[in-house]
Amino acid sequence: MNQQTTTPVTSKPLWQIYLAILLPMMLTNILQSASGTVDGIFLGQLLGINAIAAVSAFFPVILVLFAIVIGVSSGATVLIGQAWGAGDHSKARAVAVTALAMMIVAGLAVSIGGGLLAPKIVSLLGTPAGVQTEATTYARTLLIGMPFIFILWLATSMSRGVSDAVTPLWALLVATIFSLIFTPALILGWFGLPQLGVASAPVSTIIASIAALLWLSQHWRRKNHPLAPDFRQLLKIRINPIMAKVILRIGVPMAVQILTMAIAEIVLLGLVNQHGAQATAAYGAINQILNWVQFPVMSLGITTSILTSHAIGAERPERINKILRTGLILNIVTTGSFVLLGYAFAKPFIGLFITDRNVVATATHLLHIVLWSLLFVGATSVLTGVMRANGTVFGPTALSILAILAIEIPLAYGLNARLGLPGIWFAYATTFVSILLFQSLFFHFIWHKQQVSRLI
């Protein structure tokens, strides 16, 4: 890894520092969502409702897979942020090398195991019989290419840990351009390419990820970026046990929480599937819209964690409460704006994915039920971002899992029995509010009593 001597700037107003990371990250998430959304539009409009249902059926498994990458990336970003805040750039690079080695191992395991087990996974999800073949094709293709997707996610996350949120934006722009070209090309057979049907989207994603990684590595080397790869060192890449332990201390609880969410999604998707393929398609369209609304939520949580990590590394704990307040205010402004847009344009947005008017009406109604509660998800993201920067992950994770197991799943079953399909989305909204309440109590009565100190 190459040297760079700059350190985080803390003399500017906090809101400016926030926005310097937050805005590029939001734009990056827009590109990610745009790529997935356009893929969904291509699949729905060119291949029909079964293609959307096939992709939707695999959505919970995608959550399971990204539990791995999000866990490792979050742990690495916190440690890199603390080292960067302290001006210890060599330690930041050492964390990056260990995280990369861990991600390569995880990606290869998912690629080999998932590729072999794709048919069984699709069957266990209770996927409607009419779309099982297409869902299996989609799943196997995506799983085989996961190492490239994992490494790209990790690289962009670590870049933000050293206050560089612009490079990930350009990398994802490269990926989006490739995806926009190759998805329709592989569906329709442009340029002499084979027509791959529902596999077009994952193949396009893999190609786009490889292209973005190549661009990212070259850009970092040209700019002498602090995380730029030294290919001679990469040949000797290994996992540092001490750093890996700290990364996993943060990452494993987060991964467990995401896995719990994924299991809950599998259970709830089973309820949705009982209402037929149209309900499954509505579920997929709603998730596409919610992904757009949630990107400021994700960005705020990550930005809050990075800035808190920098403050801890620089031994400036007095900034933490200011970081928290600023994050909560920005949540109201940013997430609130996207929620309002979602309510205003729900029907035309959903109509981009689904042509059946009855399904569009159903999906619009379900979206209206849950959309407002994402403001609570955003506030939770800010709170947990602050706590995660100090290595406090187990308690918040346990509370979130408790809400999922004790509130979301039982309530979804009960309301589904009484209200039908809308009851499932009422359960989502209730759970989001409950999680914020639990996390707020933990933050005020437990976290504030803990000592704030560096983890490495």
Protein backbone atom coordinates (compact mmCIF):
# COMPACT_ATOMS: atom_id res chain seq x y z
CA MET A 1 0.00 0.00 0.00
CA ASN A 2 1.23 3.48 -0.81
CA GLN A 3 1.92 6.30 1.60
CA GLN A 4 -0.15 9.45 1.98
CA THR A 5 0.33 12.00 4.73
CA THR A 6 -2.95 13.87 4.87
CA THR A 7 -5.15 13.51 7.94
CA PRO A 8 -8.86 14.06 8.48
CA VAL A 9 -9.92 17.71 8.44
CA THR A 10 -11.76 18.62 11.64
CA SER A 11 -11.58 22.43 11.57
CA LYS A 12 -14.57 22.85 9.25
CA PRO A 13 -18.16 23.04 10.56
CA LEU A 14 -19.41 19.55 11.33
CA TRP A 15 -22.25 19.68 8.83
CA GLN A 16 -19.76 20.38 6.03
CA ILE A 17 -17.60 17.43 7.08
CA TYR A 18 -20.74 15.28 7.17
CA LEU A 19 -21.83 16.33 3.70
CA ALA A 20 -18.36 15.82 2.22
CA ILE A 21 -18.77 12.10 2.90
CA LEU A 22 -22.56 11.82 2.90
CA LEU A 23 -23.36 13.40 -0.47
CA PRO A 24 -20.90 11.37 -2.58
CA MET A 25 -22.02 8.25 -0.72
CA MET A 26 -25.67 9.03 -1.42
CA LEU A 27 -24.86 9.54 -5.09
CA THR A 28 -22.99 6.23 -5.04
CA ASN A 29 -26.03 4.52 -3.57
CA ILE A 30 -28.19 6.19 -6.20
CA LEU A 31 -26.00 4.61 -8.86
CA GLN A 32 -26.22 1.22 -7.16
CA SER A 33 -29.98 1.48 -6.88
CA ALA A 34 -30.26 2.79 -10.43
CA SER A 35 -28.33 -0.19 -11.73
CA GLY A 36 -30.56 -2.64 -9.86
CA THR A 37 -33.69 -0.72 -10.79
CA VAL A 38 -32.83 -0.59 -14.48
CA ASP A 39 -32.00 -4.30 -14.44
CA GLY A 40 -35.42 -4.90 -12.90
CA ILE A 41 -37.09 -2.75 -15.55
CA PHE A 42 -35.31 -4.60 -18.35
CA LEU A 43 -36.24 -7.98 -16.87
CA GLY A 44 -39.86 -7.01 -16.23
CA GLN A 45 -40.51 -5.25 -19.52
CA LEU A 46 -38.51 -7.56 -21.82
CA LEU A 47 -38.97 -10.95 -20.12
CA GLY A 48 -42.22 -10.53 -18.18
CA ILE A 49 -43.59 -10.97 -14.67
CA ASN A 50 -42.02 -14.42 -14.17
CA ALA A 51 -38.54 -12.91 -14.46
CA ILE A 52 -39.33 -10.36 -11.75
CA ALA A 53 -40.82 -13.08 -9.56
CA ALA A 54 -37.71 -15.24 -10.05
CA VAL A 55 -35.40 -12.44 -8.94
CA SER A 56 -37.71 -11.45 -6.08
CA ALA A 57 -37.76 -15.00 -4.76
CA PHE A 58 -33.99 -14.89 -4.30
CA PHE A 59 -33.94 -11.55 -2.46
CA PRO A 60 -33.65 -12.97 1.09
CA VAL A 61 -30.60 -15.00 0.07
CA ILE A 62 -28.95 -11.83 -1.22
CA LEU A 63 -29.37 -10.45 2.30
CA VAL A 64 -27.64 -13.55 3.67
CA LEU A 65 -24.72 -13.13 1.29
CA PHE A 66 -24.26 -9.47 2.01
CA ALA A 67 -24.29 -10.18 5.73
CA ILE A 68 -20.76 -11.44 5.14
CA VAL A 69 -19.51 -8.49 3.15
CA ILE A 70 -21.25 -5.84 5.25
CA GLY A 71 -19.95 -7.38 8.47
CA VAL A 72 -16.31 -7.52 7.35
CA SER A 73 -16.52 -4.13 5.60
CA SER A 74 -18.04 -2.40 8.62
CA GLY A 75 -15.46 -3.82 11.00
CA ALA A 76 -12.61 -2.85 8.67
CA THR A 77 -14.01 0.65 8.08
CA VAL A 78 -14.27 1.35 11.82
CA LEU A 79 -10.68 0.28 12.43
CA ILE A 80 -9.38 2.15 9.38
CA GLY A 81 -11.32 5.23 10.49
CA GLN A 82 -9.82 5.14 13.98
CA ALA A 83 -6.30 4.64 12.63
CA TRP A 84 -6.86 7.43 10.11
CA GLY A 85 -8.17 9.77 12.80
CA ALA A 86 -5.03 9.10 14.84
CA GLY A 87 -2.78 9.71 11.83
CA ASP A 88 -1.56 6.08 11.86
CA HIS A 89 -1.69 5.43 8.13
CA SER A 90 0.42 2.28 8.16
CA LYS A 91 -2.03 0.62 10.53
CA ALA A 92 -4.92 1.69 8.30
CA ARG A 93 -3.26 -0.07 5.37
CA ALA A 94 -2.55 -3.17 7.46
CA VAL A 95 -6.24 -3.42 8.35
CA ALA A 96 -7.13 -3.10 4.67
CA VAL A 97 -4.83 -5.98 3.69
CA THR A 98 -6.29 -8.28 6.35
CA ALA A 99 -9.86 -7.37 5.38
CA LEU A 100 -9.13 -8.06 1.71
CA ALA A 101 -7.72 -11.50 2.54
CA MET A 102 -10.79 -12.30 4.63
CA MET A 103 -13.11 -11.19 1.84
CA ILE A 104 -11.33 -13.30 -0.78
CA VAL A 105 -11.77 -16.40 1.38
CA ALA A 106 -15.44 -15.63 2.03
CA GLY A 107 -16.15 -14.85 -1.62
CA LEU A 108 -14.63 -18.09 -2.87
CA ALA A 109 -16.58 -20.10 -0.30
CA VAL A 110 -19.86 -18.51 -1.40
CA SER A 111 -19.01 -18.92 -5.07
CA ILE A 112 -18.24 -22.63 -4.83
CA GLY A 113 -20.81 -23.65 -2.22
CA GLY A 114 -23.60 -21.42 -3.46
CA GLY A 115 -23.12 -22.37 -7.08
CA LEU A 116 -23.47 -26.06 -6.23
CA LEU A 117 -26.44 -25.63 -3.89
CA ALA A 118 -28.47 -23.10 -5.92
CA PRO A 119 -31.34 -25.51 -6.82
CA LYS A 120 -31.79 -26.58 -3.19
CA ILE A 121 -31.69 -22.98 -1.98
CA VAL A 122 -34.40 -21.93 -4.43
CA SER A 123 -36.54 -24.90 -3.45
CA LEU A 124 -36.18 -24.19 0.28
CA LEU A 125 -37.40 -20.64 -0.30
CA GLY A 126 -40.77 -22.00 -1.35
CA THR A 127 -40.45 -20.34 -4.74
CA PRO A 128 -43.60 -20.74 -6.87
CA ALA A 129 -43.27 -23.75 -9.19
CA GLY A 130 -43.69 -21.65 -12.32
CA VAL A 131 -40.51 -19.66 -11.71
CA GLN A 132 -38.22 -22.20 -10.01
CA THR A 133 -36.14 -22.90 -13.12
CA GLU A 134 -35.52 -19.21 -13.82
CA ALA A 135 -34.84 -18.49 -10.14
CA THR A 136 -32.25 -21.28 -10.04
CA THR A 137 -30.49 -19.91 -13.12
CA TYR A 138 -30.41 -16.42 -11.64
CA ALA A 139 -29.18 -17.68 -8.26
CA ARG A 140 -26.40 -19.90 -9.59
CA THR A 141 -25.05 -17.19 -11.90
CA LEU A 142 -25.02 -14.52 -9.20
CA LEU A 143 -23.43 -16.78 -6.59
CA ILE A 144 -20.57 -17.84 -8.85
CA GLY A 145 -19.60 -14.20 -9.42
CA MET A 146 -19.85 -13.14 -5.78
CA PRO A 147 -16.08 -12.80 -5.11
CA PHE A 148 -15.85 -9.80 -7.45
CA ILE A 149 -18.98 -8.19 -5.99
CA PHE A 150 -17.71 -8.73 -2.44
CA ILE A 151 -14.29 -7.22 -3.11
CA LEU A 152 -15.75 -4.16 -4.85
CA TRP A 153 -18.05 -3.51 -1.89
CA LEU A 154 -15.13 -3.86 0.55
CA ALA A 155 -12.86 -1.56 -1.46
CA THR A 156 -15.43 1.23 -1.65
CA SER A 157 -16.22 0.90 2.07
CA MET A 158 -12.57 1.09 3.10
CA SER A 159 -12.03 4.13 0.89
CA ARG A 160 -14.69 6.01 2.86
CA GLY A 161 -12.88 5.11 6.07
CA VAL A 162 -10.04 7.44 5.02
CA SER A 163 -12.53 10.22 4.14
CA ASP A 164 -12.50 9.46 0.41
CA ALA A 165 -16.12 9.05 -0.64
CA VAL A 166 -15.56 10.42 -4.16
CA THR A 167 -13.52 7.54 -5.58
CA PRO A 168 -16.25 4.98 -4.76
CA LEU A 169 -18.70 7.24 -6.59
CA TRP A 170 -16.62 7.12 -9.78
CA ALA A 171 -16.06 3.38 -9.42
CA LEU A 172 -19.80 2.75 -9.15
CA LEU A 173 -20.38 5.05 -12.13
CA VAL A 174 -18.11 2.77 -14.16
CA ALA A 175 -20.04 -0.26 -12.90
CA THR A 176 -23.40 1.35 -13.71
CA ILE A 177 -22.36 2.20 -17.27
CA PHE A 178 -21.26 -1.38 -17.90
CA SER A 179 -24.47 -2.71 -16.35
CA LEU A 180 -26.67 -0.43 -18.46
CA ILE A 181 -24.94 -1.69 -21.59
CA PHE A 182 -24.67 -5.39 -20.87
CA THR A 183 -28.05 -6.17 -19.27
CA PRO A 184 -30.18 -5.31 -22.34
CA ALA A 185 -27.44 -6.57 -24.65
CA LEU A 186 -27.52 -10.00 -23.00
CA ILE A 187 -31.32 -10.10 -22.87
CA LEU A 188 -31.78 -9.19 -26.55
CA GLY A 189 -28.54 -10.61 -27.98
CA TRP A 190 -27.02 -7.33 -29.15
CA PHE A 191 -23.52 -7.24 -30.68
CA GLY A 192 -23.64 -10.98 -31.31
CA LEU A 193 -23.80 -11.77 -27.59
CA PRO A 194 -25.82 -14.78 -26.42
CA GLN A 195 -29.37 -14.24 -25.13
CA LEU A 196 -29.13 -15.25 -21.47
CA GLY A 197 -32.66 -14.52 -20.28
CA VAL A 198 -32.96 -14.03 -16.53
CA ALA A 199 -29.20 -14.68 -16.15
CA SER A 200 -28.51 -11.46 -18.05
CA ALA A 201 -28.76 -9.29 -14.93
CA PRO A 202 -26.27 -11.22 -12.75
CA VAL A 203 -23.81 -11.71 -15.63
CA SER A 204 -23.99 -7.97 -16.29
CA THR A 205 -23.41 -7.26 -12.58
CA ILE A 206 -20.32 -9.48 -12.53
CA ILE A 207 -18.85 -7.82 -15.64
CA ALA A 208 -19.57 -4.39 -14.17
CA SER A 209 -17.92 -5.28 -10.85
CA ILE A 210 -14.75 -6.50 -12.56
CA ALA A 211 -14.57 -3.34 -14.67
CA ALA A 212 -15.05 -1.13 -11.61
CA LEU A 213 -12.35 -2.99 -9.66
CA LEU A 214 -9.86 -2.59 -12.51
CA TRP A 215 -10.62 1.12 -12.75
CA LEU A 216 -10.45 1.57 -8.97
CA SER A 217 -7.05 -0.09 -8.57
CA GLN A 218 -5.54 1.94 -11.42
CA HIS A 219 -7.05 5.19 -10.16
CA TRP A 220 -5.74 4.63 -6.65
CA ARG A 221 -2.24 3.96 -7.95
CA ARG A 222 -2.27 7.08 -10.16
CA LYS A 223 -3.44 9.28 -7.28
CA ASN A 224 -1.11 7.72 -4.70
CA HIS A 225 -4.19 6.88 -2.62
CA PRO A 226 -3.48 5.66 0.93
CA LEU A 227 -5.11 2.32 0.11
CA ALA A 228 -3.58 1.91 -3.36
CA PRO A 229 -2.58 -1.73 -3.93
CA ASP A 230 1.06 -2.70 -4.05
CA PHE A 231 0.91 -5.80 -6.24
CA ARG A 232 4.12 -7.20 -4.74
CA GLN A 233 2.52 -7.05 -1.30
CA LEU A 234 -0.69 -8.57 -2.63
CA LEU A 235 1.25 -11.66 -3.69
CA LYS A 236 2.10 -12.12 0.01
CA ILE A 237 -1.37 -11.26 1.28
CA ARG A 238 -2.35 -12.92 4.52
CA ILE A 239 -4.75 -12.54 7.43
CA ASN A 240 -3.37 -10.82 10.53
CA PRO A 241 -5.03 -12.78 13.39
CA ILE A 242 -5.09 -9.87 15.84
CA MET A 243 -6.69 -7.45 13.39
CA ALA A 244 -9.02 -10.12 12.05
CA LYS A 245 -10.26 -10.76 15.59
CA VAL A 246 -11.16 -7.09 16.08
CA ILE A 247 -12.79 -6.89 12.64
CA LEU A 248 -14.88 -9.95 13.48
CA ARG A 249 -15.74 -8.55 16.90
CA ILE A 250 -17.59 -5.79 15.09
CA GLY A 251 -18.53 -7.65 11.94
CA VAL A 252 -19.93 -10.92 13.29
CA PRO A 253 -22.74 -9.37 15.39
CA MET A 254 -23.67 -7.19 12.42
CA ALA A 255 -23.65 -10.23 10.14
CA VAL A 256 -25.79 -12.17 12.62
CA GLN A 257 -28.30 -9.31 12.69
CA ILE A 258 -28.45 -9.22 8.90
CA LEU A 259 -28.77 -13.01 8.79
CA THR A 260 -31.64 -12.79 11.26
CA MET A 261 -33.26 -10.18 9.02
CA ALA A 262 -32.72 -12.47 6.05
CA ILE A 263 -34.27 -15.43 7.84
CA ALA A 264 -37.20 -13.24 8.80
CA GLU A 265 -37.50 -12.15 5.15
CA ILE A 266 -37.52 -15.79 4.08
CA VAL A 267 -40.31 -16.52 6.55
CA LEU A 268 -42.30 -13.46 5.48
CA LEU A 269 -41.66 -14.17 1.81
CA GLY A 270 -43.20 -17.58 2.44
CA LEU A 271 -46.31 -15.77 3.64
CA VAL A 272 -46.24 -13.53 0.57
CA ASN A 273 -45.79 -16.51 -1.77
CA GLN A 274 -48.98 -18.04 -0.37
CA HIS A 275 -50.83 -15.20 -2.09
CA GLY A 276 -49.45 -16.22 -5.52
CA ALA A 277 -46.93 -15.05 -8.12
CA GLN A 278 -48.56 -11.62 -8.41
CA ALA A 279 -47.99 -10.99 -4.70
CA THR A 280 -44.37 -12.11 -5.08
CA ALA A 281 -43.92 -9.68 -7.97
CA ALA A 282 -45.48 -6.88 -5.87
CA TYR A 283 -43.05 -7.73 -3.07
CA GLY A 284 -40.13 -7.40 -5.48
CA ALA A 285 -41.33 -4.06 -6.85
CA ILE A 286 -41.81 -2.67 -3.34
CA ASN A 287 -38.27 -3.71 -2.42
CA GLN A 288 -36.95 -1.85 -5.46
CA ILE A 289 -38.65 1.36 -4.30
CA LEU A 290 -37.61 0.88 -0.67
CA ASN A 291 -34.02 0.42 -1.80
CA TRP A 292 -34.14 3.91 -3.26
CA VAL A 293 -35.64 5.41 -0.12
CA GLN A 294 -33.19 3.59 2.14
CA PHE A 295 -29.98 4.78 0.52
CA PRO A 296 -29.87 8.00 2.61
CA VAL A 297 -30.55 5.79 5.63
CA MET A 298 -27.55 3.58 4.88
CA SER A 299 -25.36 6.53 3.96
CA LEU A 300 -26.16 8.37 7.18
CA GLY A 301 -25.35 5.36 9.34
CA ILE A 302 -22.02 4.76 7.61
CA THR A 303 -21.07 8.45 7.64
CA THR A 304 -21.91 8.73 11.32
CA SER A 305 -19.78 5.69 12.11
CA ILE A 306 -16.83 7.01 10.08
CA LEU A 307 -16.90 10.46 11.68
CA THR A 308 -17.25 8.98 15.16
CA SER A 309 -14.32 6.65 14.41
CA HIS A 310 -12.22 9.64 13.36
CA ALA A 311 -13.16 11.48 16.57
CA ILE A 312 -12.23 8.47 18.70
CA GLY A 313 -8.94 7.99 16.86
CA ALA A 314 -8.10 11.68 17.27
CA GLU A 315 -9.07 11.49 20.98
CA ARG A 316 -11.83 14.07 20.60
CA PRO A 317 -14.82 12.36 22.28
CA GLU A 318 -16.51 15.72 22.84
CA ARG A 319 -17.47 15.71 19.14
CA ILE A 320 -19.53 12.52 19.40
CA ASN A 321 -22.76 14.10 20.67
CA LYS A 322 -22.49 16.78 17.98
CA ILE A 323 -22.00 14.09 15.34
CA LEU A 324 -25.11 12.31 16.64
CA ARG A 325 -27.29 15.43 16.61
CA THR A 326 -26.17 16.40 13.12
CA GLY A 327 -26.90 12.90 11.85
CA LEU A 328 -30.42 12.90 13.29
CA ILE A 329 -31.19 16.29 11.74
CA LEU A 330 -29.87 15.16 8.36
CA ASN A 331 -32.02 12.03 8.63
CA ILE A 332 -35.15 14.14 8.88
CA VAL A 333 -34.08 16.24 5.89
CA THR A 334 -32.78 13.53 3.55
CA THR A 335 -34.79 10.44 4.42
CA GLY A 336 -37.88 12.56 4.92
CA SER A 337 -37.50 14.01 1.43
CA PHE A 338 -37.26 10.57 -0.14
CA VAL A 339 -40.24 9.32 1.83
CA LEU A 340 -42.32 12.23 0.53
CA LEU A 341 -41.21 11.52 -3.03
CA GLY A 342 -42.12 7.88 -2.54
CA TYR A 343 -45.65 8.77 -1.49
CA ALA A 344 -46.04 11.29 -4.30
CA PHE A 345 -44.86 9.00 -7.11
CA ALA A 346 -45.43 5.49 -5.77
CA LYS A 347 -47.75 4.34 -8.55
CA PRO A 348 -45.67 5.48 -11.55
CA PHE A 349 -42.49 4.17 -9.90
CA ILE A 350 -44.00 0.73 -9.37
CA GLY A 351 -45.40 0.82 -12.89
CA LEU A 352 -41.83 0.81 -14.18
CA PHE A 353 -41.46 -2.78 -12.99
CA ILE A 354 -44.95 -4.20 -13.36
CA THR A 355 -47.42 -3.84 -16.21
CA ASP A 356 -50.41 -5.56 -14.57
CA ARG A 357 -52.67 -2.80 -13.21
CA ASN A 358 -54.04 -4.89 -10.35
CA VAL A 359 -50.54 -5.76 -9.14
CA VAL A 360 -49.49 -2.10 -9.41
CA ALA A 361 -52.47 -1.08 -7.27
CA THR A 362 -51.69 -3.73 -4.67
CA ALA A 363 -48.00 -2.84 -4.50
CA THR A 364 -48.79 0.88 -4.21
CA HIS A 365 -51.12 0.26 -1.27
CA LEU A 366 -48.54 -1.91 0.51
CA LEU A 367 -45.81 0.67 -0.06
CA HIS A 368 -47.96 3.40 1.47
CA ILE A 369 -48.36 1.29 4.60
CA VAL A 370 -44.64 0.99 5.35
CA LEU A 371 -42.94 4.00 3.75
CA TRP A 372 -43.29 6.47 6.63
CA SER A 373 -41.55 4.13 9.07
CA LEU A 374 -38.23 4.44 7.22
CA LEU A 375 -37.67 7.71 9.11
CA PHE A 376 -37.37 5.55 12.22
CA VAL A 377 -34.97 3.23 10.42
CA GLY A 378 -32.80 6.24 9.59
CA ALA A 379 -32.67 7.42 13.20
CA THR A 380 -31.75 3.90 14.29
CA SER A 381 -28.97 3.83 11.70
CA VAL A 382 -27.45 7.03 13.11
CA LEU A 383 -27.62 5.78 16.70
CA THR A 384 -26.07 2.41 15.95
CA GLY A 385 -23.44 4.08 13.76
CA VAL A 386 -22.18 6.05 16.75
CA MET A 387 -22.10 2.99 18.99
CA ARG A 388 -20.45 0.80 16.34
CA ALA A 389 -17.52 3.22 16.05
CA ASN A 390 -16.61 2.39 19.65
CA GLY A 391 -16.95 -1.35 19.06
CA THR A 392 -20.36 -1.55 20.76
CA VAL A 393 -22.24 -3.91 18.49
CA PHE A 394 -23.45 -6.90 20.50
CA GLY A 395 -26.06 -5.07 22.60
CA PRO A 396 -27.68 -3.13 19.73
CA THR A 397 -27.63 -6.27 17.59
CA ALA A 398 -29.31 -8.34 20.31
CA LEU A 399 -32.07 -5.74 20.64
CA SER A 400 -32.69 -5.66 16.89
CA ILE A 401 -32.85 -9.46 16.75
CA LEU A 402 -35.26 -9.45 19.70
CA ALA A 403 -37.57 -7.06 17.85
CA ILE A 404 -37.45 -9.19 14.70
CA LEU A 405 -38.14 -12.49 16.47
CA ALA A 406 -40.56 -11.26 19.13
CA ILE A 407 -42.44 -8.57 17.20
CA GLU A 408 -42.01 -8.73 13.43
CA ILE A 409 -42.56 -12.42 12.69
CA PRO A 410 -45.40 -13.10 15.18
CA LEU A 411 -47.15 -9.87 14.24
CA ALA A 412 -46.81 -10.61 10.52
CA TYR A 413 -48.42 -14.02 10.96
CA GLY A 414 -51.20 -12.63 13.11
CA LEU A 415 -51.99 -9.65 10.88
CA ASN A 416 -51.69 -11.74 7.72
CA ALA A 417 -54.37 -14.04 9.11
CA ARG A 418 -56.65 -11.12 9.93
CA LEU A 419 -55.89 -8.52 7.25
CA GLY A 420 -54.33 -10.57 4.48
CA LEU A 421 -51.31 -9.31 2.54
CA PRO A 422 -51.35 -5.73 3.99
CA GLY A 423 -50.88 -7.15 7.48
CA ILE A 424 -47.31 -8.17 6.64
CA TRP A 425 -46.35 -4.58 5.84
CA PHE A 426 -48.04 -3.28 9.00
CA ALA A 427 -45.75 -5.67 10.88
CA TYR A 428 -42.70 -4.19 9.15
CA ALA A 429 -43.64 -0.64 10.18
CA THR A 430 -44.36 -1.61 13.79
CA THR A 431 -41.01 -3.38 14.05
CA PHE A 432 -39.06 -0.40 12.72
CA VAL A 433 -40.57 1.87 15.38
CA SER A 434 -39.91 -0.70 18.11
CA ILE A 435 -36.25 -1.10 17.15
CA LEU A 436 -35.64 2.66 17.42
CA LEU A 437 -37.22 2.67 20.89
CA PHE A 438 -35.01 -0.21 22.04
CA GLN A 439 -31.82 1.33 20.62
CA SER A 440 -32.57 4.74 22.14
CA LEU A 441 -32.97 3.22 25.60
CA PHE A 442 -29.72 1.27 25.20
CA PHE A 443 -27.85 4.36 24.00
CA HIS A 444 -28.97 6.62 26.82
CA PHE A 445 -28.80 4.19 29.74
CA ILE A 446 -25.87 1.91 28.82
CA TRP A 447 -23.65 3.24 26.04
CA HIS A 448 -23.14 6.67 27.63
CA LYS A 449 -21.61 4.99 30.67
CA GLN A 450 -18.94 3.20 28.63
CA GLN A 451 -15.42 4.48 28.08
CA VAL A 452 -14.69 5.72 24.57
CA SER A 453 -11.29 4.46 23.36
CA ARG A 454 -9.47 3.16 20.28
CA LEU A 455 -9.84 -0.50 19.39
CA ILE A 456 -6.36 -0.86 17.82
